[in-house]
Amino acid sequence: MVRVGMKPIDALKAGTSVAAQLLGIFEKTGSLEAGKWADIVVVPGNPLDDIHATEKVMFVMKEGTVFKNVKR
């Protein structure tokens, strides 16, 4: 999306809060708020400065459980 002109913040929102709203699950996920699932993707650096940071996932937290990126 960024490659065709979308701002990084808007691309990130499209895949998180906007997607959760469209799927009808925003009350559970899509943003970091108390009471929501702990779904987090950790990347090195700030994807707003360099969207390519999203290609280097360090770990994912899904409902509070951490899944580390294991290289094979």
PDB file of N, CA and C in Angstrom:
ATOM      1  N   MET A   1       0.819  -1.188   0.000  1.00  0.00           N
ATOM      2  CA  MET A   1       0.000   0.000   0.000  1.00  0.00           C
ATOM      3  C   MET A   1       0.868   1.259   0.000  1.00  0.00           C
ATOM      4  N   VAL A   2       1.962   1.212   0.765  1.00  0.00           N
ATOM      5  CA  VAL A   2       2.863   2.364   0.803  1.00  0.00           C
ATOM      6  C   VAL A   2       3.527   2.564  -0.555  1.00  0.00           C
ATOM      7  N   ARG A   3       3.859   1.467  -1.202  1.00  0.00           N
ATOM      8  CA  ARG A   3       4.506   1.538  -2.514  1.00  0.00           C
ATOM      9  C   ARG A   3       3.666   2.294  -3.539  1.00  0.00           C
ATOM     10  N   VAL A   4       2.351   2.256  -3.399  1.00  0.00           N
ATOM     11  CA  VAL A   4       1.479   2.942  -4.353  1.00  0.00           C
ATOM     12  C   VAL A   4       0.963   4.282  -3.836  1.00  0.00           C
ATOM     13  N   GLY A   5       1.576   4.768  -2.716  1.00  0.00           N
ATOM     14  CA  GLY A   5       1.271   6.123  -2.292  1.00  0.00           C
ATOM     15  C   GLY A   5       0.616   6.321  -0.939  1.00  0.00           C
ATOM     16  N   MET A   6       0.226   5.258  -0.266  1.00  0.00           N
ATOM     17  CA  MET A   6      -0.411   5.414   1.035  1.00  0.00           C
ATOM     18  C   MET A   6       0.653   5.768   2.081  1.00  0.00           C
ATOM     19  N   LYS A   7       0.310   6.615   3.027  1.00  0.00           N
ATOM     20  CA  LYS A   7       1.224   6.954   4.116  1.00  0.00           C
ATOM     21  C   LYS A   7       1.386   5.737   5.029  1.00  0.00           C
ATOM     22  N   PRO A   8       2.589   5.532   5.594  1.00  0.00           N
ATOM     23  CA  PRO A   8       2.799   4.382   6.472  1.00  0.00           C
ATOM     24  C   PRO A   8       1.770   4.260   7.596  1.00  0.00           C
ATOM     25  N   ILE A   9       1.404   5.350   8.242  1.00  0.00           N
ATOM     26  CA  ILE A   9       0.431   5.284   9.334  1.00  0.00           C
ATOM     27  C   ILE A   9      -0.917   4.767   8.843  1.00  0.00           C
ATOM     28  N   ASP A  10      -1.317   5.175   7.647  1.00  0.00           N
ATOM     29  CA  ASP A  10      -2.597   4.722   7.096  1.00  0.00           C
ATOM     30  C   ASP A  10      -2.541   3.255   6.695  1.00  0.00           C
ATOM     31  N   ALA A  11      -1.404   2.803   6.195  1.00  0.00           N
ATOM     32  CA  ALA A  11      -1.249   1.386   5.847  1.00  0.00           C
ATOM     33  C   ALA A  11      -1.298   0.520   7.103  1.00  0.00           C
ATOM     34  N   LEU A  12      -0.648   0.973   8.170  1.00  0.00           N
ATOM     35  CA  LEU A  12      -0.679   0.218   9.423  1.00  0.00           C
ATOM     36  C   LEU A  12      -2.088   0.175  10.001  1.00  0.00           C
ATOM     37  N   LYS A  13      -2.795   1.282   9.945  1.00  0.00           N
ATOM     38  CA  LYS A  13      -4.180   1.305  10.430  1.00  0.00           C
ATOM     39  C   LYS A  13      -5.074   0.397   9.588  1.00  0.00           C
ATOM     40  N   ALA A  14      -4.842   0.346   8.286  1.00  0.00           N
ATOM     41  CA  ALA A  14      -5.645  -0.504   7.404  1.00  0.00           C
ATOM     42  C   ALA A  14      -5.542  -1.969   7.811  1.00  0.00           C
ATOM     43  N   GLY A  15      -4.366  -2.365   8.291  1.00  0.00           N
ATOM     44  CA  GLY A  15      -4.172  -3.755   8.690  1.00  0.00           C
ATOM     45  C   GLY A  15      -4.479  -4.042  10.146  1.00  0.00           C
ATOM     46  N   THR A  16      -4.833  -3.034  10.901  1.00  0.00           N
ATOM     47  CA  THR A  16      -5.091  -3.234  12.330  1.00  0.00           C
ATOM     48  C   THR A  16      -6.480  -2.725  12.708  1.00  0.00           C
ATOM     49  N   SER A  17      -6.584  -1.482  13.110  1.00  0.00           N
ATOM     50  CA  SER A  17      -7.855  -0.975  13.632  1.00  0.00           C
ATOM     51  C   SER A  17      -8.964  -0.941  12.583  1.00  0.00           C
ATOM     52  N   VAL A  18      -8.646  -0.527  11.369  1.00  0.00           N
ATOM     53  CA  VAL A  18      -9.681  -0.469  10.318  1.00  0.00           C
ATOM     54  C   VAL A  18     -10.163  -1.871   9.971  1.00  0.00           C
ATOM     55  N   ALA A  19      -9.210  -2.819   9.849  1.00  0.00           N
ATOM     56  CA  ALA A  19      -9.593  -4.202   9.545  1.00  0.00           C
ATOM     57  C   ALA A  19     -10.460  -4.777  10.657  1.00  0.00           C
ATOM     58  N   ALA A  20     -10.092  -4.521  11.911  1.00  0.00           N
ATOM     59  CA  ALA A  20     -10.884  -5.024  13.038  1.00  0.00           C
ATOM     60  C   ALA A  20     -12.298  -4.438  13.025  1.00  0.00           C
ATOM     61  N   GLN A  21     -12.415  -3.165  12.688  1.00  0.00           N
ATOM     62  CA  GLN A  21     -13.740  -2.545  12.609  1.00  0.00           C
ATOM     63  C   GLN A  21     -14.570  -3.194  11.508  1.00  0.00           C
ATOM     64  N   LEU A  22     -13.969  -3.387  10.339  1.00  0.00           N
ATOM     65  CA  LEU A  22     -14.694  -3.990   9.217  1.00  0.00           C
ATOM     66  C   LEU A  22     -15.128  -5.423   9.514  1.00  0.00           C
ATOM     67  N   LEU A  23     -14.314  -6.132  10.306  1.00  0.00           N
ATOM     68  CA  LEU A  23     -14.639  -7.516  10.650  1.00  0.00           C
ATOM     69  C   LEU A  23     -15.562  -7.633  11.864  1.00  0.00           C
ATOM     70  N   GLY A  24     -15.881  -6.491  12.479  1.00  0.00           N
ATOM     71  CA  GLY A  24     -16.777  -6.487  13.623  1.00  0.00           C
ATOM     72  C   GLY A  24     -16.144  -7.011  14.906  1.00  0.00           C
ATOM     73  N   ILE A  25     -14.800  -6.930  15.017  1.00  0.00           N
ATOM     74  CA  ILE A  25     -14.113  -7.435  16.210  1.00  0.00           C
ATOM     75  C   ILE A  25     -13.286  -6.349  16.900  1.00  0.00           C
ATOM     76  N   PHE A  26     -13.582  -5.086  16.627  1.00  0.00           N
ATOM     77  CA  PHE A  26     -12.796  -4.000  17.196  1.00  0.00           C
ATOM     78  C   PHE A  26     -12.877  -3.944  18.720  1.00  0.00           C
ATOM     79  N   GLU A  27     -13.937  -4.453  19.300  1.00  0.00           N
ATOM     80  CA  GLU A  27     -14.031  -4.439  20.769  1.00  0.00           C
ATOM     81  C   GLU A  27     -13.034  -5.417  21.399  1.00  0.00           C
ATOM     82  N   LYS A  28     -12.470  -6.332  20.589  1.00  0.00           N
ATOM     83  CA  LYS A  28     -11.521  -7.325  21.097  1.00  0.00           C
ATOM     84  C   LYS A  28     -10.088  -7.086  20.629  1.00  0.00           C
ATOM     85  N   THR A  29      -9.908  -6.483  19.450  1.00  0.00           N
ATOM     86  CA  THR A  29      -8.583  -6.365  18.850  1.00  0.00           C
ATOM     87  C   THR A  29      -8.530  -5.163  17.904  1.00  0.00           C
ATOM     88  N   GLY A  30      -7.337  -4.883  17.403  1.00  0.00           N
ATOM     89  CA  GLY A  30      -7.195  -3.797  16.440  1.00  0.00           C
ATOM     90  C   GLY A  30      -6.518  -2.561  16.988  1.00  0.00           C
ATOM     91  N   SER A  31      -6.390  -2.491  18.319  1.00  0.00           N
ATOM     92  CA  SER A  31      -5.685  -1.386  18.973  1.00  0.00           C
ATOM     93  C   SER A  31      -5.209  -1.873  20.332  1.00  0.00           C
ATOM     94  N   LEU A  32      -4.251  -1.161  20.891  1.00  0.00           N
ATOM     95  CA  LEU A  32      -3.724  -1.528  22.208  1.00  0.00           C
ATOM     96  C   LEU A  32      -4.493  -0.777  23.291  1.00  0.00           C
ATOM     97  N   GLU A  33      -5.392  -1.493  23.940  1.00  0.00           N
ATOM     98  CA  GLU A  33      -6.225  -0.901  24.994  1.00  0.00           C
ATOM     99  C   GLU A  33      -6.484  -1.944  26.069  1.00  0.00           C
ATOM    100  N   ALA A  34      -6.655  -1.467  27.282  1.00  0.00           N
ATOM    101  CA  ALA A  34      -6.996  -2.363  28.388  1.00  0.00           C
ATOM    102  C   ALA A  34      -8.256  -3.151  28.056  1.00  0.00           C
ATOM    103  N   GLY A  35      -8.233  -4.441  28.333  1.00  0.00           N
ATOM    104  CA  GLY A  35      -9.394  -5.290  28.102  1.00  0.00           C
ATOM    105  C   GLY A  35      -9.424  -5.953  26.741  1.00  0.00           C
ATOM    106  N   LYS A  36      -8.550  -5.534  25.830  1.00  0.00           N
ATOM    107  CA  LYS A  36      -8.488  -6.170  24.508  1.00  0.00           C
ATOM    108  C   LYS A  36      -7.438  -7.267  24.520  1.00  0.00           C
ATOM    109  N   TRP A  37      -7.514  -8.148  23.515  1.00  0.00           N
ATOM    110  CA  TRP A  37      -6.502  -9.188  23.381  1.00  0.00           C
ATOM    111  C   TRP A  37      -5.131  -8.540  23.262  1.00  0.00           C
ATOM    112  N   ALA A  38      -4.126  -9.180  23.816  1.00  0.00           N
ATOM    113  CA  ALA A  38      -2.760  -8.665  23.706  1.00  0.00           C
ATOM    114  C   ALA A  38      -2.152  -9.191  22.397  1.00  0.00           C
ATOM    115  N   ASP A  39      -2.549  -8.612  21.284  1.00  0.00           N
ATOM    116  CA  ASP A  39      -2.038  -8.994  19.971  1.00  0.00           C
ATOM    117  C   ASP A  39      -1.076  -7.909  19.502  1.00  0.00           C
ATOM    118  N   ILE A  40       0.211  -8.235  19.473  1.00  0.00           N
ATOM    119  CA  ILE A  40       1.243  -7.256  19.152  1.00  0.00           C
ATOM    120  C   ILE A  40       2.256  -7.885  18.205  1.00  0.00           C
ATOM    121  N   VAL A  41       2.699  -7.133  17.229  1.00  0.00           N
ATOM    122  CA  VAL A  41       3.799  -7.540  16.355  1.00  0.00           C
ATOM    123  C   VAL A  41       4.956  -6.598  16.647  1.00  0.00           C
ATOM    124  N   VAL A  42       6.107  -7.163  17.025  1.00  0.00           N
ATOM    125  CA  VAL A  42       7.274  -6.353  17.376  1.00  0.00           C
ATOM    126  C   VAL A  42       8.268  -6.374  16.228  1.00  0.00           C
ATOM    127  N   VAL A  43       8.655  -5.180  15.801  1.00  0.00           N
ATOM    128  CA  VAL A  43       9.622  -5.026  14.703  1.00  0.00           C
ATOM    129  C   VAL A  43      10.742  -4.099  15.167  1.00  0.00           C
ATOM    130  N   PRO A  44      11.928  -4.190  14.546  1.00  0.00           N
ATOM    131  CA  PRO A  44      13.007  -3.290  14.936  1.00  0.00           C
ATOM    132  C   PRO A  44      12.762  -1.892  14.367  1.00  0.00           C
ATOM    133  N   GLY A  45      12.861  -0.898  15.190  1.00  0.00           N
ATOM    134  CA  GLY A  45      12.688   0.463  14.698  1.00  0.00           C
ATOM    135  C   GLY A  45      11.238   0.884  14.622  1.00  0.00           C
ATOM    136  N   ASN A  46      11.043   2.039  14.044  1.00  0.00           N
ATOM    137  CA  ASN A  46       9.724   2.650  13.939  1.00  0.00           C
ATOM    138  C   ASN A  46       9.217   2.508  12.500  1.00  0.00           C
ATOM    139  N   PRO A  47       8.155   1.734  12.281  1.00  0.00           N
ATOM    140  CA  PRO A  47       7.656   1.557  10.919  1.00  0.00           C
ATOM    141  C   PRO A  47       7.108   2.833  10.288  1.00  0.00           C
ATOM    142  N   LEU A  48       6.866   3.861  11.101  1.00  0.00           N
ATOM    143  CA  LEU A  48       6.446   5.137  10.522  1.00  0.00           C
ATOM    144  C   LEU A  48       7.623   5.836   9.854  1.00  0.00           C
ATOM    145  N   ASP A  49       8.828   5.563  10.342  1.00  0.00           N
ATOM    146  CA  ASP A  49      10.042   6.115   9.728  1.00  0.00           C
ATOM    147  C   ASP A  49      10.521   5.254   8.573  1.00  0.00           C
ATOM    148  N   ASP A  50      10.377   3.928   8.720  1.00  0.00           N
ATOM    149  CA  ASP A  50      10.811   2.983   7.691  1.00  0.00           C
ATOM    150  C   ASP A  50       9.841   1.816   7.668  1.00  0.00           C
ATOM    151  N   ILE A  51       8.912   1.826   6.742  1.00  0.00           N
ATOM    152  CA  ILE A  51       7.869   0.798   6.672  1.00  0.00           C
ATOM    153  C   ILE A  51       8.456  -0.593   6.460  1.00  0.00           C
ATOM    154  N   HIS A  52       9.673  -0.667   5.942  1.00  0.00           N
ATOM    155  CA  HIS A  52      10.320  -1.963   5.726  1.00  0.00           C
ATOM    156  C   HIS A  52      10.643  -2.676   7.036  1.00  0.00           C
ATOM    157  N   ALA A  53      10.574  -1.960   8.154  1.00  0.00           N
ATOM    158  CA  ALA A  53      10.744  -2.604   9.466  1.00  0.00           C
ATOM    159  C   ALA A  53       9.694  -3.689   9.668  1.00  0.00           C
ATOM    160  N   THR A  54       8.539  -3.553   9.046  1.00  0.00           N
ATOM    161  CA  THR A  54       7.470  -4.550   9.190  1.00  0.00           C
ATOM    162  C   THR A  54       7.824  -5.873   8.511  1.00  0.00           C
ATOM    163  N   GLU A  55       8.875  -5.880   7.718  1.00  0.00           N
ATOM    164  CA  GLU A  55       9.333  -7.111   7.061  1.00  0.00           C
ATOM    165  C   GLU A  55      10.275  -7.909   7.953  1.00  0.00           C
ATOM    166  N   LYS A  56      10.633  -7.363   9.112  1.00  0.00           N
ATOM    167  CA  LYS A  56      11.609  -7.985  10.005  1.00  0.00           C
ATOM    168  C   LYS A  56      10.975  -8.233  11.375  1.00  0.00           C
ATOM    169  N   VAL A  57      10.005  -9.089  11.420  1.00  0.00           N
ATOM    170  CA  VAL A  57       9.275  -9.360  12.662  1.00  0.00           C
ATOM    171  C   VAL A  57      10.192 -10.058  13.659  1.00  0.00           C
ATOM    172  N   MET A  58      10.283  -9.486  14.854  1.00  0.00           N
ATOM    173  CA  MET A  58      11.112 -10.059  15.915  1.00  0.00           C
ATOM    174  C   MET A  58      10.321 -11.085  16.733  1.00  0.00           C
ATOM    175  N   PHE A  59       9.079 -10.729  17.076  1.00  0.00           N
ATOM    176  CA  PHE A  59       8.180 -11.686  17.695  1.00  0.00           C
ATOM    177  C   PHE A  59       6.749 -11.169  17.617  1.00  0.00           C
ATOM    178  N   VAL A  60       5.821 -12.101  17.851  1.00  0.00           N
ATOM    179  CA  VAL A  60       4.389 -11.790  17.853  1.00  0.00           C
ATOM    180  C   VAL A  60       3.844 -12.192  19.213  1.00  0.00           C
ATOM    181  N   MET A  61       2.973 -11.371  19.764  1.00  0.00           N
ATOM    182  CA  MET A  61       2.247 -11.738  20.967  1.00  0.00           C
ATOM    183  C   MET A  61       0.785 -11.882  20.567  1.00  0.00           C
ATOM    184  N   LYS A  62       0.244 -13.072  20.776  1.00  0.00           N
ATOM    185  CA  LYS A  62      -1.142 -13.358  20.429  1.00  0.00           C
ATOM    186  C   LYS A  62      -1.882 -13.732  21.697  1.00  0.00           C
ATOM    187  N   GLU A  63      -2.838 -12.910  22.085  1.00  0.00           N
ATOM    188  CA  GLU A  63      -3.616 -13.115  23.305  1.00  0.00           C
ATOM    189  C   GLU A  63      -2.708 -13.343  24.510  1.00  0.00           C
ATOM    190  N   GLY A  64      -1.590 -12.611  24.571  1.00  0.00           N
ATOM    191  CA  GLY A  64      -0.685 -12.656  25.701  1.00  0.00           C
ATOM    192  C   GLY A  64       0.417 -13.694  25.622  1.00  0.00           C
ATOM    193  N   THR A  65       0.390 -14.573  24.619  1.00  0.00           N
ATOM    194  CA  THR A  65       1.433 -15.589  24.446  1.00  0.00           C
ATOM    195  C   THR A  65       2.417 -15.114  23.396  1.00  0.00           C
ATOM    196  N   VAL A  66       3.721 -15.177  23.731  1.00  0.00           N
ATOM    197  CA  VAL A  66       4.763 -14.715  22.817  1.00  0.00           C
ATOM    198  C   VAL A  66       5.206 -15.859  21.916  1.00  0.00           C
ATOM    199  N   PHE A  67       5.277 -15.564  20.622  1.00  0.00           N
ATOM    200  CA  PHE A  67       5.789 -16.489  19.609  1.00  0.00           C
ATOM    201  C   PHE A  67       6.990 -15.819  18.963  1.00  0.00           C
ATOM    202  N   LYS A  68       8.178 -16.386  19.190  1.00  0.00           N
ATOM    203  CA  LYS A  68       9.392 -15.786  18.643  1.00  0.00           C
ATOM    204  C   LYS A  68       9.614 -16.233  17.222  1.00  0.00           C
ATOM    205  N   ASN A  69      10.243 -15.370  16.467  1.00  0.00           N
ATOM    206  CA  ASN A  69      10.583 -15.656  15.082  1.00  0.00           C
ATOM    207  C   ASN A  69      11.745 -16.634  15.060  1.00  0.00           C
ATOM    208  N   VAL A  70      11.488 -17.868  14.646  1.00  0.00           N
ATOM    209  CA  VAL A  70      12.511 -18.909  14.598  1.00  0.00           C
ATOM    210  C   VAL A  70      12.937 -19.087  13.143  1.00  0.00           C
ATOM    211  N   LYS A  71      14.216 -18.861  12.899  1.00  0.00           N
ATOM    212  CA  LYS A  71      14.735 -19.027  11.533  1.00  0.00           C
ATOM    213  C   LYS A  71      15.059 -20.494  11.304  1.00  0.00           C
ATOM    214  N   ARG A  72      14.666 -20.989  10.136  1.00  0.00           N
ATOM    215  CA  ARG A  72      14.918 -22.399   9.799  1.00  0.00           C
ATOM    216  C   ARG A  72      15.852 -22.494   8.648  1.00  0.00           C
TER     217      ARG A  72
END
